[in-house]
Amino acid sequence: MNKAGIKIENLHLSFGDTEVLKGVNLDIQPGEFFAFLGPSGSGKSTLLRAIAGFGPTPKGRILIGDRDVVGLDPWKRNVGMVFQSYALYPHMSVRDNVGFPLKSAGLPKAEVDAKVNEAAHVLKLNDYLDRRPKDLSGGQRQRVAIGRSIVRDPTAFLFDEPLSNLDAALRIEMRYEIAKLHQTLQSTMIYVTHDQVEAMTLADRIVVLDFGKIAQVGSPRELYERPANLFVAQFIGSPRMNVFPSTLVKGIMLPENATEVGVRPEHIELVNPGTGLIDGTVDVLEYLGADTFVILNCEDAGQITVRVSGNSTLRPGDSVGLHISNDLLHAFNSDGLAIN
């Protein structure tokens, strides 16, 4: 399988007077599964489309392999794009949908058939080749769309929120399918999502984007355990990191310039009132089976969420103390940057 690294250098892109990409620099390795993660309006889909060649021409460089593709037509970049909408031809069979790019390129029928059969085998579509899209589930249609990219043997696959149209069960199934596909093909893959679970479970590395700028790049573990700033700290993790003023922390040495501290819900131990760092009152309990999320009213510290065992006997109105180990606290300065 063909594959290439992708390097983005000082990329700027505007729509009218609005700058949506503000000097992005990234170095994606050949064969890497790389995720673009961020909320709506962060620029993640715009960045992906710039790599694919859709939309306005950006300023800066986009190297696919050793070739700068800025200004090139999309079909000359040899990347496979998988869209949020499947964009399948309803009147064509699965076989014809998958083989359409090759047939359009004028390849001999025998070669088209061989490549279609190979893609169908990888994606477990052999039994559906003679069906039409209306006869398939959402997950099967997405696999057909992926198959249409595979047959072109692209240097990289670009996924633009491919699972957002699926229900929860199918999203889990397709996450597994895409992970296995990457293991099989070992191709460079870029995956855009606003869903941190998708990014954390699929990607080798993630870039978190915040209004067109890079907030942090790293492995899922690095982003979770060592967030570079408050934005990443609270965007990564579910429930999100608790944050409260550093002035409420007594008996723990903090950096002098720390203005806020953060702690993950699973890193808080509930103890007797008056024996922890701060006290709180149980407000709401969210039972999820193996876990229960305890949402506490902690007065000056605000609302704090704690992850406890699902067999917890706590009730709304109970008073508790919160014990937090020093090494599990994250400190941030007045600019929202992490203090190591």
Protein backbone atom coordinates (compact mmCIF):
# COMPACT_ATOMS: atom_id res chain seq x y z
CA MET A 1 0.00 0.00 0.00
CA ASN A 2 1.24 3.42 -1.01
CA LYS A 3 1.84 5.88 1.85
CA ALA A 4 3.51 9.22 2.48
CA GLY A 5 4.04 11.68 5.29
CA ILE A 6 2.29 15.04 5.28
CA LYS A 7 4.00 18.23 6.42
CA ILE A 8 2.15 21.51 6.92
CA GLU A 9 4.21 24.67 7.16
CA ASN A 10 2.90 28.05 8.36
CA LEU A 11 -0.54 27.52 6.85
CA HIS A 12 -2.93 30.48 6.79
CA LEU A 13 -6.41 30.45 5.28
CA SER A 14 -9.17 33.05 5.33
CA PHE A 15 -12.80 33.22 4.25
CA GLY A 16 -13.24 36.88 3.37
CA ASP A 17 -11.99 38.91 6.32
CA THR A 18 -12.17 35.95 8.72
CA GLU A 19 -8.93 34.06 9.27
CA VAL A 20 -9.76 30.43 10.08
CA LEU A 21 -6.27 28.88 9.98
CA LYS A 22 -3.64 30.95 11.77
CA GLY A 23 -0.16 29.66 11.01
CA VAL A 24 -0.59 25.89 11.43
CA ASN A 25 2.55 23.72 11.48
CA LEU A 26 2.31 19.90 11.58
CA ASP A 27 4.53 16.96 10.69
CA ILE A 28 2.53 13.75 10.13
CA GLN A 29 4.66 10.65 9.70
CA PRO A 30 4.18 8.03 6.94
CA GLY A 31 1.76 5.37 8.16
CA GLU A 32 0.64 7.41 11.18
CA PHE A 33 -2.98 7.61 12.31
CA PHE A 34 -3.37 11.29 13.11
CA ALA A 35 -6.54 12.97 14.43
CA PHE A 36 -7.67 16.59 14.13
CA LEU A 37 -9.76 17.26 17.24
CA GLY A 38 -11.61 20.36 18.35
CA PRO A 39 -15.02 21.95 18.87
CA SER A 40 -17.15 23.38 16.08
CA GLY A 41 -15.39 26.35 14.49
CA SER A 42 -11.90 25.23 15.50
CA GLY A 43 -10.75 24.83 11.87
CA LYS A 44 -10.27 21.05 11.81
CA SER A 45 -12.42 20.32 8.74
CA THR A 46 -11.06 23.41 6.98
CA LEU A 47 -7.51 22.12 7.55
CA LEU A 48 -8.41 18.68 6.20
CA ARG A 49 -10.07 20.17 3.12
CA ALA A 50 -7.00 22.34 2.52
CA ILE A 51 -4.89 19.16 2.42
CA ALA A 52 -7.38 17.57 0.01
CA GLY A 53 -7.46 20.67 -2.22
CA PHE A 54 -11.04 21.78 -1.60
CA GLY A 55 -11.92 25.40 -0.94
CA PRO A 56 -9.76 28.54 -1.16
CA THR A 57 -6.03 28.24 -1.78
CA PRO A 58 -4.19 28.76 1.53
CA LYS A 59 -0.92 30.56 2.15
CA GLY A 60 1.95 28.37 3.29
CA ARG A 61 3.04 24.90 2.24
CA ILE A 62 1.41 21.45 2.29
CA LEU A 63 3.91 18.72 1.50
CA ILE A 64 2.55 15.26 0.65
CA GLY A 65 5.71 13.23 0.54
CA ASP A 66 8.25 15.72 -0.82
CA ARG A 67 5.80 17.55 -3.13
CA ASP A 68 4.18 20.88 -2.29
CA VAL A 69 0.55 20.44 -3.36
CA VAL A 70 -0.77 23.94 -2.63
CA GLY A 71 -2.53 25.09 -5.79
CA LEU A 72 -2.80 21.58 -7.28
CA ASP A 73 -6.21 20.19 -8.26
CA PRO A 74 -7.56 17.62 -5.74
CA TRP A 75 -7.26 14.68 -8.14
CA LYS A 76 -3.54 15.37 -8.60
CA ARG A 77 -2.77 14.99 -4.87
CA ASN A 78 -3.44 11.23 -4.70
CA VAL A 79 -5.29 11.30 -1.39
CA GLY A 80 -8.46 9.36 -0.61
CA MET A 81 -11.24 11.48 0.93
CA VAL A 82 -14.01 9.87 2.98
CA PHE A 83 -16.81 12.33 3.70
CA GLN A 84 -19.36 12.60 6.49
CA SER A 85 -22.06 11.96 3.87
CA TYR A 86 -21.36 8.72 2.03
CA ALA A 87 -21.81 10.35 -1.41
CA LEU A 88 -22.68 7.01 -3.04
CA TYR A 89 -24.44 6.69 -6.38
CA PRO A 90 -27.89 5.26 -5.49
CA HIS A 91 -28.50 3.69 -8.91
CA MET A 92 -25.19 1.77 -8.86
CA SER A 93 -24.35 -1.49 -7.13
CA VAL A 94 -21.72 -1.63 -4.40
CA ARG A 95 -19.34 -3.14 -6.95
CA ASP A 96 -19.84 -0.24 -9.36
CA ASN A 97 -19.64 2.38 -6.60
CA VAL A 98 -16.32 1.03 -5.36
CA GLY A 99 -14.89 0.66 -8.85
CA PHE A 100 -16.17 3.99 -10.19
CA PRO A 101 -12.90 5.97 -9.75
CA LEU A 102 -10.94 3.31 -11.61
CA LYS A 103 -13.50 2.95 -14.38
CA SER A 104 -13.52 6.74 -14.81
CA ALA A 105 -9.73 6.64 -15.11
CA GLY A 106 -10.05 4.18 -18.00
CA LEU A 107 -8.48 1.11 -16.35
CA PRO A 108 -9.18 -2.27 -17.96
CA LYS A 109 -12.21 -4.13 -16.58
CA ALA A 110 -10.10 -7.03 -15.30
CA GLU A 111 -7.89 -4.67 -13.28
CA VAL A 112 -10.93 -2.81 -11.91
CA ASP A 113 -12.56 -6.09 -10.86
CA ALA A 114 -9.38 -7.30 -9.16
CA LYS A 115 -8.98 -4.08 -7.15
CA VAL A 116 -12.67 -4.00 -6.21
CA ASN A 117 -12.53 -7.61 -5.00
CA GLU A 118 -9.40 -6.86 -2.98
CA ALA A 119 -11.03 -3.85 -1.30
CA ALA A 120 -14.22 -5.83 -0.67
CA HIS A 121 -12.19 -8.54 1.05
CA VAL A 122 -10.43 -6.03 3.32
CA LEU A 123 -13.73 -4.33 4.23
CA LYS A 124 -15.86 -7.50 4.43
CA LEU A 125 -18.13 -6.38 1.62
CA ASN A 126 -17.94 -9.52 -0.51
CA ASP A 127 -21.54 -10.49 0.23
CA TYR A 128 -22.88 -7.03 -0.65
CA LEU A 129 -21.21 -6.30 -3.99
CA ASP A 130 -24.42 -6.72 -6.01
CA ARG A 131 -26.63 -4.71 -3.64
CA ARG A 132 -27.47 -1.03 -3.98
CA PRO A 133 -26.81 1.55 -1.25
CA LYS A 134 -30.47 1.67 -0.15
CA ASP A 135 -30.21 -2.00 0.84
CA LEU A 136 -27.25 -1.39 3.20
CA SER A 137 -26.94 -0.23 6.79
CA GLY A 138 -25.20 3.05 7.59
CA GLY A 139 -22.03 1.23 8.62
CA GLN A 140 -22.00 -0.79 5.40
CA ARG A 141 -22.46 2.36 3.32
CA GLN A 142 -19.52 3.95 5.09
CA ARG A 143 -17.39 0.91 4.29
CA VAL A 144 -18.38 1.24 0.63
CA ALA A 145 -17.25 4.89 0.70
CA ILE A 146 -13.94 3.80 2.25
CA GLY A 147 -13.60 1.07 -0.38
CA ARG A 148 -13.94 3.65 -3.14
CA SER A 149 -10.86 5.35 -1.67
CA ILE A 150 -8.88 2.15 -1.13
CA VAL A 151 -9.03 1.07 -4.79
CA ARG A 152 -7.19 4.25 -5.81
CA ASP A 153 -4.20 3.25 -3.64
CA PRO A 154 -3.83 6.79 -2.23
CA THR A 155 -0.77 8.02 -0.37
CA ALA A 156 -3.05 9.05 2.54
CA PHE A 157 -6.66 8.66 3.65
CA LEU A 158 -8.56 11.73 4.86
CA PHE A 159 -11.65 11.08 7.01
CA ASP A 160 -14.01 14.02 7.61
CA GLU A 161 -16.18 13.08 10.63
CA PRO A 162 -17.13 9.77 8.96
CA LEU A 163 -19.15 8.37 11.88
CA SER A 164 -21.28 11.36 12.82
CA ASN A 165 -24.32 10.08 10.87
CA LEU A 166 -24.32 6.71 12.66
CA ASP A 167 -26.08 5.72 15.86
CA ALA A 168 -24.07 4.98 19.01
CA ALA A 169 -23.79 1.22 18.49
CA LEU A 170 -22.69 1.59 14.85
CA ARG A 171 -20.13 4.25 15.80
CA ILE A 172 -18.47 1.79 18.17
CA GLU A 173 -18.51 -0.91 15.50
CA MET A 174 -17.05 1.39 12.85
CA ARG A 175 -14.32 2.64 15.21
CA TYR A 176 -13.20 -0.97 15.45
CA GLU A 177 -13.41 -1.40 11.67
CA ILE A 178 -11.34 1.72 10.98
CA ALA A 179 -8.73 0.72 13.59
CA LYS A 180 -8.41 -2.71 11.99
CA LEU A 181 -8.23 -1.13 8.54
CA HIS A 182 -5.28 0.99 9.62
CA GLN A 183 -3.54 -2.07 11.08
CA THR A 184 -4.08 -3.91 7.79
CA LEU A 185 -3.13 -1.15 5.35
CA GLN A 186 -0.51 0.67 7.49
CA SER A 187 -1.43 3.80 5.51
CA THR A 188 -1.21 7.42 6.57
CA MET A 189 -4.63 8.39 7.90
CA ILE A 190 -5.93 11.78 9.03
CA TYR A 191 -9.20 11.69 10.93
CA VAL A 192 -11.29 14.77 11.75
CA THR A 193 -13.68 14.59 14.69
CA HIS A 194 -15.21 16.65 17.47
CA ASP A 195 -15.62 13.43 19.49
CA GLN A 196 -12.68 12.98 21.86
CA VAL A 197 -13.51 9.27 22.34
CA GLU A 198 -13.00 8.64 18.62
CA ALA A 199 -9.73 10.56 18.62
CA MET A 200 -8.41 8.97 21.83
CA THR A 201 -9.23 5.40 20.81
CA LEU A 202 -8.07 5.59 17.17
CA ALA A 203 -5.15 7.98 16.85
CA ASP A 204 -1.42 7.56 17.36
CA ARG A 205 -1.26 11.32 17.83
CA ILE A 206 -3.82 14.10 18.09
CA VAL A 207 -3.71 17.81 17.33
CA VAL A 208 -6.18 19.81 19.40
CA LEU A 209 -7.27 22.92 17.49
CA ASP A 210 -8.68 26.05 19.08
CA PHE A 211 -10.04 28.70 16.67
CA GLY A 212 -7.51 27.98 13.93
CA LYS A 213 -4.50 27.60 16.20
CA ILE A 214 -2.80 24.53 17.58
CA ALA A 215 -3.46 24.16 21.30
CA GLN A 216 -1.34 20.99 21.63
CA VAL A 217 -0.04 18.00 19.68
CA GLY A 218 0.67 14.67 21.33
CA SER A 219 -0.36 11.09 21.96
CA PRO A 220 -3.72 10.51 23.66
CA ARG A 221 -1.91 9.72 26.91
CA GLU A 222 0.21 12.88 26.71
CA LEU A 223 -2.83 15.08 26.16
CA TYR A 224 -4.71 13.46 29.03
CA GLU A 225 -1.89 13.31 31.57
CA ARG A 226 0.08 16.43 30.60
CA PRO A 227 -2.27 19.02 29.04
CA ALA A 228 -0.37 22.11 27.93
CA ASN A 229 -3.14 24.54 28.85
CA LEU A 230 -6.60 24.87 30.34
CA PHE A 231 -8.32 24.49 26.97
CA VAL A 232 -6.82 21.04 26.38
CA ALA A 233 -7.20 20.07 30.05
CA GLN A 234 -10.94 20.62 29.94
CA PHE A 235 -11.56 19.49 26.36
CA ILE A 236 -9.87 16.11 26.82
CA GLY A 237 -11.51 13.80 29.34
CA SER A 238 -15.09 12.87 30.17
CA PRO A 239 -16.22 14.10 32.61
CA ARG A 240 -13.90 17.01 32.05
CA MET A 241 -11.19 18.14 34.45
CA ASN A 242 -12.35 20.06 37.52
CA VAL A 243 -10.78 23.54 37.77
CA PHE A 244 -10.90 25.94 40.72
CA PRO A 245 -8.88 28.88 42.11
CA SER A 246 -5.48 28.03 43.56
CA THR A 247 -6.22 30.19 46.59
CA LEU A 248 -8.55 27.47 47.88
CA VAL A 249 -5.71 24.95 48.07
CA LYS A 250 -4.30 24.76 51.60
CA GLY A 251 -1.45 22.57 52.81
CA ILE A 252 -0.09 21.81 49.32
CA MET A 253 2.88 23.56 47.79
CA LEU A 254 1.97 25.15 44.45
CA PRO A 255 4.09 27.22 42.05
CA GLU A 256 4.02 30.90 43.00
CA ASN A 257 2.45 31.94 39.68
CA ALA A 258 -0.37 29.37 39.83
CA THR A 259 -3.78 31.01 39.65
CA GLU A 260 -5.91 27.91 39.00
CA VAL A 261 -5.57 24.20 39.66
CA GLY A 262 -7.18 21.23 37.97
CA VAL A 263 -7.83 17.63 38.92
CA ARG A 264 -9.41 14.73 37.04
CA PRO A 265 -12.64 13.28 38.52
CA GLU A 266 -11.00 9.89 39.11
CA HIS A 267 -8.10 11.44 41.02
CA ILE A 268 -10.28 12.69 43.90
CA GLU A 269 -10.88 10.53 46.97
CA LEU A 270 -13.99 11.19 49.04
CA VAL A 271 -13.28 11.29 52.79
CA ASN A 272 -14.99 12.50 55.95
CA PRO A 273 -15.91 16.22 56.05
CA GLY A 274 -13.13 18.38 57.42
CA THR A 275 -10.37 15.87 56.67
CA GLY A 276 -9.76 16.69 53.00
CA LEU A 277 -8.54 19.59 50.93
CA ILE A 278 -12.03 21.09 50.65
CA ASP A 279 -15.56 20.04 51.61
CA GLY A 280 -18.63 19.62 49.46
CA THR A 281 -22.27 18.54 49.45
CA VAL A 282 -23.58 15.84 47.12
CA ASP A 283 -25.88 17.53 44.61
CA VAL A 284 -26.54 14.94 41.87
CA LEU A 285 -25.56 11.29 41.34
CA GLU A 286 -25.17 9.92 37.79
CA TYR A 287 -25.19 6.12 37.90
CA LEU A 288 -23.52 4.47 34.90
CA GLY A 289 -23.15 0.88 36.06
CA ALA A 290 -19.47 0.33 36.81
CA ASP A 291 -19.05 4.02 37.73
CA THR A 292 -21.06 6.72 39.42
CA PHE A 293 -20.35 10.39 38.81
CA VAL A 294 -20.87 12.38 41.99
CA ILE A 295 -21.56 16.06 41.30
CA LEU A 296 -20.74 18.16 44.34
CA ASN A 297 -21.49 21.71 45.37
CA CYS A 298 -18.20 22.93 46.85
CA GLU A 299 -19.15 26.57 47.47
CA ASP A 300 -16.17 28.78 46.48
CA ALA A 301 -14.67 25.95 44.40
CA GLY A 302 -17.92 25.66 42.46
CA GLN A 303 -19.24 22.42 41.02
CA ILE A 304 -16.83 19.48 41.21
CA THR A 305 -17.37 16.04 39.69
CA VAL A 306 -15.89 12.89 41.24
CA ARG A 307 -15.79 9.45 39.66
CA VAL A 308 -16.49 6.68 42.20
CA SER A 309 -17.46 3.01 42.09
CA GLY A 310 -20.92 2.17 40.79
CA ASN A 311 -21.84 0.58 44.13
CA SER A 312 -21.47 3.85 46.04
CA THR A 313 -24.05 4.40 48.81
CA LEU A 314 -23.89 8.21 48.69
CA ARG A 315 -27.13 10.17 48.58
CA PRO A 316 -27.96 13.78 47.60
CA GLY A 317 -27.38 16.07 50.56
CA ASP A 318 -24.50 14.05 52.03
CA SER A 319 -21.49 16.08 53.19
CA VAL A 320 -18.04 14.83 52.14
CA GLY A 321 -14.42 15.92 52.12
CA LEU A 322 -12.25 15.82 49.00
CA HIS A 323 -8.74 14.46 49.31
CA ILE A 324 -6.42 15.23 46.37
CA SER A 325 -2.79 14.14 46.18
CA ASN A 326 -0.28 16.85 45.32
CA ASP A 327 1.13 14.87 42.39
CA LEU A 328 -2.32 14.62 40.78
CA LEU A 329 -2.97 18.37 40.74
CA HIS A 330 -2.40 20.39 37.55
CA ALA A 331 -1.37 24.02 38.02
CA PHE A 332 -2.10 26.81 35.51
CA ASN A 333 -0.97 30.44 35.33
CA SER A 334 -3.06 33.52 34.57
CA ASP A 335 -2.67 32.90 30.81
CA GLY A 336 -4.13 29.40 31.19
CA LEU A 337 -0.79 27.71 30.49
CA ALA A 338 0.25 24.61 32.41
CA ILE A 339 3.04 25.06 34.96
CA ASN A 340 5.33 22.04 35.13
